[in-house]
Amino acid sequence: MAMKFEKNTDGTYLLDVCGYVCPHPQIYCKKSIEKIQEGEVLNMVFDNPSSAETIKQMLDQAGHDLMEEKKEAGKIIFKIKKG
């Protein structure tokens, strides 16, 4: 189990933190957003449902936009635009 952060296309990044429990998904999300530019998109994949609300609160407080939220094969995918 390893955290994966990579650039996909210009302005789009992937953060995969499947297998991690609170507070790690939130911490990795925050650190990943700090690494990208305003207006760029982070696709975050995680499988710990209890992290979802905490991440949403953090994004709201920091002024980032949760553009999309979906569930697929036991994983939660957030599409986040840095504000």
N, C-alpha and C. Protein backbone atom coordinates (compact mmCIF):
# COMPACT_ATOMS: atom_id res chain seq x y z
N MET A 1 0.85 -1.18 0.00
CA MET A 1 0.00 0.00 0.00
C MET A 1 0.89 1.24 0.00
N ALA A 2 0.81 1.99 -1.06
CA ALA A 2 1.62 3.19 -1.17
C ALA A 2 0.77 4.32 -1.73
N MET A 3 0.92 5.49 -1.15
CA MET A 3 0.24 6.66 -1.65
C MET A 3 0.81 6.98 -3.03
N LYS A 4 -0.08 7.31 -3.97
CA LYS A 4 0.38 7.62 -5.32
C LYS A 4 -0.11 9.01 -5.70
N PHE A 5 0.82 9.88 -6.07
CA PHE A 5 0.49 11.23 -6.54
C PHE A 5 1.23 11.43 -7.85
N GLU A 6 0.49 11.68 -8.93
CA GLU A 6 1.15 11.84 -10.23
C GLU A 6 0.38 12.80 -11.11
N LYS A 7 1.11 13.40 -12.04
CA LYS A 7 0.49 14.30 -13.01
C LYS A 7 0.01 13.46 -14.19
N ASN A 8 -1.28 13.60 -14.55
CA ASN A 8 -1.84 12.86 -15.67
C ASN A 8 -1.66 13.63 -16.96
N THR A 9 -2.44 14.68 -17.11
CA THR A 9 -2.32 15.55 -18.27
C THR A 9 -2.06 16.95 -17.75
N ASP A 10 -1.89 17.87 -18.64
CA ASP A 10 -1.62 19.24 -18.24
C ASP A 10 -2.72 19.77 -17.33
N GLY A 11 -2.38 20.05 -16.10
CA GLY A 11 -3.34 20.60 -15.17
C GLY A 11 -4.21 19.59 -14.45
N THR A 12 -3.96 18.30 -14.66
CA THR A 12 -4.76 17.26 -13.99
C THR A 12 -3.83 16.30 -13.25
N TYR A 13 -4.17 16.02 -12.00
CA TYR A 13 -3.34 15.16 -11.15
C TYR A 13 -4.18 14.04 -10.56
N LEU A 14 -3.53 12.94 -10.20
CA LEU A 14 -4.18 11.82 -9.56
C LEU A 14 -3.56 11.60 -8.19
N LEU A 15 -4.41 11.46 -7.18
CA LEU A 15 -3.97 11.09 -5.83
C LEU A 15 -4.73 9.82 -5.47
N ASP A 16 -4.01 8.74 -5.27
CA ASP A 16 -4.62 7.46 -4.88
C ASP A 16 -4.15 7.11 -3.48
N VAL A 17 -5.09 7.12 -2.53
CA VAL A 17 -4.77 6.79 -1.14
C VAL A 17 -5.63 5.63 -0.64
N CYS A 18 -5.98 4.72 -1.53
CA CYS A 18 -6.75 3.54 -1.14
C CYS A 18 -5.96 2.71 -0.14
N GLY A 19 -6.66 2.23 0.88
CA GLY A 19 -6.01 1.43 1.91
C GLY A 19 -5.62 2.23 3.13
N TYR A 20 -5.70 3.54 3.05
CA TYR A 20 -5.35 4.38 4.19
C TYR A 20 -6.60 4.75 4.99
N VAL A 21 -6.44 4.91 6.30
CA VAL A 21 -7.54 5.32 7.17
C VAL A 21 -7.25 6.72 7.73
N CYS A 22 -8.28 7.31 8.33
CA CYS A 22 -8.14 8.66 8.92
C CYS A 22 -6.92 8.71 9.85
N PRO A 23 -6.19 9.77 9.83
CA PRO A 23 -6.38 11.01 9.09
C PRO A 23 -5.57 11.08 7.79
N HIS A 24 -4.98 9.98 7.38
CA HIS A 24 -4.05 10.02 6.24
C HIS A 24 -4.65 10.52 4.93
N PRO A 25 -5.86 10.09 4.52
CA PRO A 25 -6.40 10.63 3.26
C PRO A 25 -6.51 12.15 3.26
N GLN A 26 -6.94 12.73 4.39
CA GLN A 26 -7.05 14.18 4.47
C GLN A 26 -5.69 14.85 4.38
N ILE A 27 -4.71 14.30 5.09
CA ILE A 27 -3.37 14.88 5.09
C ILE A 27 -2.78 14.83 3.68
N TYR A 28 -2.89 13.69 3.01
CA TYR A 28 -2.35 13.57 1.66
C TYR A 28 -3.09 14.48 0.68
N CYS A 29 -4.39 14.64 0.87
CA CYS A 29 -5.17 15.53 0.02
C CYS A 29 -4.68 16.96 0.17
N LYS A 30 -4.52 17.41 1.40
CA LYS A 30 -4.07 18.77 1.68
C LYS A 30 -2.69 19.02 1.08
N LYS A 31 -1.77 18.08 1.30
CA LYS A 31 -0.40 18.23 0.78
C LYS A 31 -0.38 18.24 -0.75
N SER A 32 -1.23 17.41 -1.36
CA SER A 32 -1.27 17.34 -2.83
C SER A 32 -1.82 18.64 -3.41
N ILE A 33 -2.86 19.20 -2.78
CA ILE A 33 -3.42 20.46 -3.25
C ILE A 33 -2.37 21.58 -3.15
N GLU A 34 -1.56 21.54 -2.11
CA GLU A 34 -0.51 22.55 -1.94
C GLU A 34 0.50 22.50 -3.09
N LYS A 35 0.68 21.33 -3.70
CA LYS A 35 1.68 21.15 -4.76
C LYS A 35 1.19 21.60 -6.13
N ILE A 36 -0.13 21.76 -6.31
CA ILE A 36 -0.65 22.11 -7.62
C ILE A 36 -1.00 23.59 -7.69
N GLN A 37 -1.21 24.09 -8.90
CA GLN A 37 -1.51 25.50 -9.11
C GLN A 37 -3.01 25.76 -9.02
N GLU A 38 -3.37 27.00 -8.72
CA GLU A 38 -4.77 27.39 -8.67
C GLU A 38 -5.43 27.12 -10.03
N GLY A 39 -6.62 26.52 -9.99
CA GLY A 39 -7.34 26.20 -11.22
C GLY A 39 -7.07 24.80 -11.75
N GLU A 40 -6.01 24.15 -11.24
CA GLU A 40 -5.72 22.78 -11.66
C GLU A 40 -6.63 21.80 -10.92
N VAL A 41 -6.73 20.58 -11.45
CA VAL A 41 -7.68 19.59 -10.94
C VAL A 41 -6.95 18.39 -10.34
N LEU A 42 -7.42 17.98 -9.16
CA LEU A 42 -6.90 16.79 -8.48
C LEU A 42 -8.01 15.75 -8.43
N ASN A 43 -7.77 14.60 -9.02
CA ASN A 43 -8.69 13.47 -8.93
C ASN A 43 -8.20 12.60 -7.79
N MET A 44 -8.97 12.56 -6.72
CA MET A 44 -8.58 11.81 -5.53
C MET A 44 -9.39 10.53 -5.43
N VAL A 45 -8.69 9.41 -5.25
CA VAL A 45 -9.34 8.11 -5.12
C VAL A 45 -9.00 7.56 -3.73
N PHE A 46 -10.06 7.20 -2.98
CA PHE A 46 -9.84 6.63 -1.65
C PHE A 46 -10.96 5.65 -1.33
N ASP A 47 -10.75 4.82 -0.32
CA ASP A 47 -11.74 3.79 0.00
C ASP A 47 -12.15 3.78 1.47
N ASN A 48 -11.91 4.90 2.15
CA ASN A 48 -12.30 5.03 3.55
C ASN A 48 -13.45 6.03 3.64
N PRO A 49 -14.70 5.53 3.65
CA PRO A 49 -15.87 6.43 3.63
C PRO A 49 -15.88 7.48 4.73
N SER A 50 -15.33 7.15 5.90
CA SER A 50 -15.36 8.12 7.00
C SER A 50 -14.48 9.34 6.72
N SER A 51 -13.58 9.25 5.75
CA SER A 51 -12.74 10.39 5.39
C SER A 51 -13.48 11.42 4.54
N ALA A 52 -14.53 11.00 3.87
CA ALA A 52 -15.22 11.86 2.90
C ALA A 52 -15.70 13.17 3.50
N GLU A 53 -16.41 13.11 4.63
CA GLU A 53 -16.95 14.34 5.22
C GLU A 53 -15.86 15.28 5.69
N THR A 54 -14.81 14.72 6.29
CA THR A 54 -13.71 15.54 6.77
C THR A 54 -13.01 16.24 5.61
N ILE A 55 -12.82 15.52 4.51
CA ILE A 55 -12.18 16.11 3.33
C ILE A 55 -13.07 17.21 2.76
N LYS A 56 -14.38 16.97 2.69
CA LYS A 56 -15.31 17.99 2.19
C LYS A 56 -15.23 19.27 3.02
N GLN A 57 -15.19 19.12 4.35
CA GLN A 57 -15.09 20.28 5.24
C GLN A 57 -13.80 21.04 5.01
N MET A 58 -12.70 20.30 4.86
CA MET A 58 -11.41 20.93 4.63
C MET A 58 -11.41 21.71 3.32
N LEU A 59 -11.97 21.10 2.25
CA LEU A 59 -12.02 21.76 0.95
C LEU A 59 -12.85 23.04 1.03
N ASP A 60 -13.98 22.95 1.71
CA ASP A 60 -14.87 24.10 1.86
C ASP A 60 -14.18 25.24 2.60
N GLN A 61 -13.52 24.91 3.69
CA GLN A 61 -12.83 25.92 4.50
C GLN A 61 -11.69 26.57 3.74
N ALA A 62 -11.02 25.80 2.87
CA ALA A 62 -9.87 26.30 2.13
C ALA A 62 -10.26 26.99 0.82
N GLY A 63 -11.55 26.91 0.45
CA GLY A 63 -12.01 27.58 -0.76
C GLY A 63 -11.78 26.79 -2.04
N HIS A 64 -11.66 25.47 -1.93
CA HIS A 64 -11.50 24.63 -3.12
C HIS A 64 -12.87 24.10 -3.54
N ASP A 65 -12.99 23.70 -4.79
CA ASP A 65 -14.27 23.30 -5.35
C ASP A 65 -14.33 21.79 -5.57
N LEU A 66 -15.27 21.12 -4.89
CA LEU A 66 -15.50 19.70 -5.12
C LEU A 66 -16.43 19.62 -6.33
N MET A 67 -15.85 19.40 -7.50
CA MET A 67 -16.59 19.43 -8.77
C MET A 67 -17.43 18.18 -8.99
N GLU A 68 -16.93 17.05 -8.50
CA GLU A 68 -17.63 15.79 -8.73
C GLU A 68 -17.30 14.81 -7.62
N GLU A 69 -18.29 13.99 -7.27
CA GLU A 69 -18.11 12.94 -6.26
C GLU A 69 -18.82 11.70 -6.77
N LYS A 70 -18.07 10.59 -6.90
CA LYS A 70 -18.72 9.36 -7.35
C LYS A 70 -18.14 8.16 -6.63
N LYS A 71 -18.93 7.08 -6.62
CA LYS A 71 -18.51 5.83 -6.00
C LYS A 71 -18.46 4.77 -7.08
N GLU A 72 -17.36 4.02 -7.06
CA GLU A 72 -17.10 3.03 -8.11
C GLU A 72 -16.35 1.85 -7.51
N ALA A 73 -16.92 0.68 -7.55
CA ALA A 73 -16.25 -0.55 -7.09
C ALA A 73 -15.64 -0.41 -5.70
N GLY A 74 -16.42 0.17 -4.77
CA GLY A 74 -15.95 0.32 -3.39
C GLY A 74 -14.99 1.47 -3.18
N LYS A 75 -14.74 2.25 -4.20
CA LYS A 75 -13.84 3.40 -4.07
C LYS A 75 -14.63 4.69 -4.23
N ILE A 76 -14.15 5.73 -3.59
CA ILE A 76 -14.76 7.05 -3.68
C ILE A 76 -13.81 7.92 -4.50
N ILE A 77 -14.36 8.65 -5.45
CA ILE A 77 -13.54 9.49 -6.31
C ILE A 77 -14.04 10.93 -6.18
N PHE A 78 -13.14 11.82 -5.79
CA PHE A 78 -13.43 13.25 -5.69
C PHE A 78 -12.67 13.95 -6.82
N LYS A 79 -13.34 14.82 -7.53
CA LYS A 79 -12.70 15.67 -8.53
C LYS A 79 -12.65 17.07 -7.91
N ILE A 80 -11.46 17.52 -7.57
CA ILE A 80 -11.27 18.76 -6.81
C ILE A 80 -10.55 19.80 -7.66
N LYS A 81 -11.11 21.00 -7.71
CA LYS A 81 -10.45 22.11 -8.40
C LYS A 81 -9.88 23.05 -7.35
N LYS A 82 -8.58 23.31 -7.46
CA LYS A 82 -7.94 24.19 -6.48
C LYS A 82 -8.44 25.61 -6.67
N GLY A 83 -8.89 26.20 -5.55
CA GLY A 83 -9.43 27.55 -5.58
C GLY A 83 -8.41 28.59 -5.21
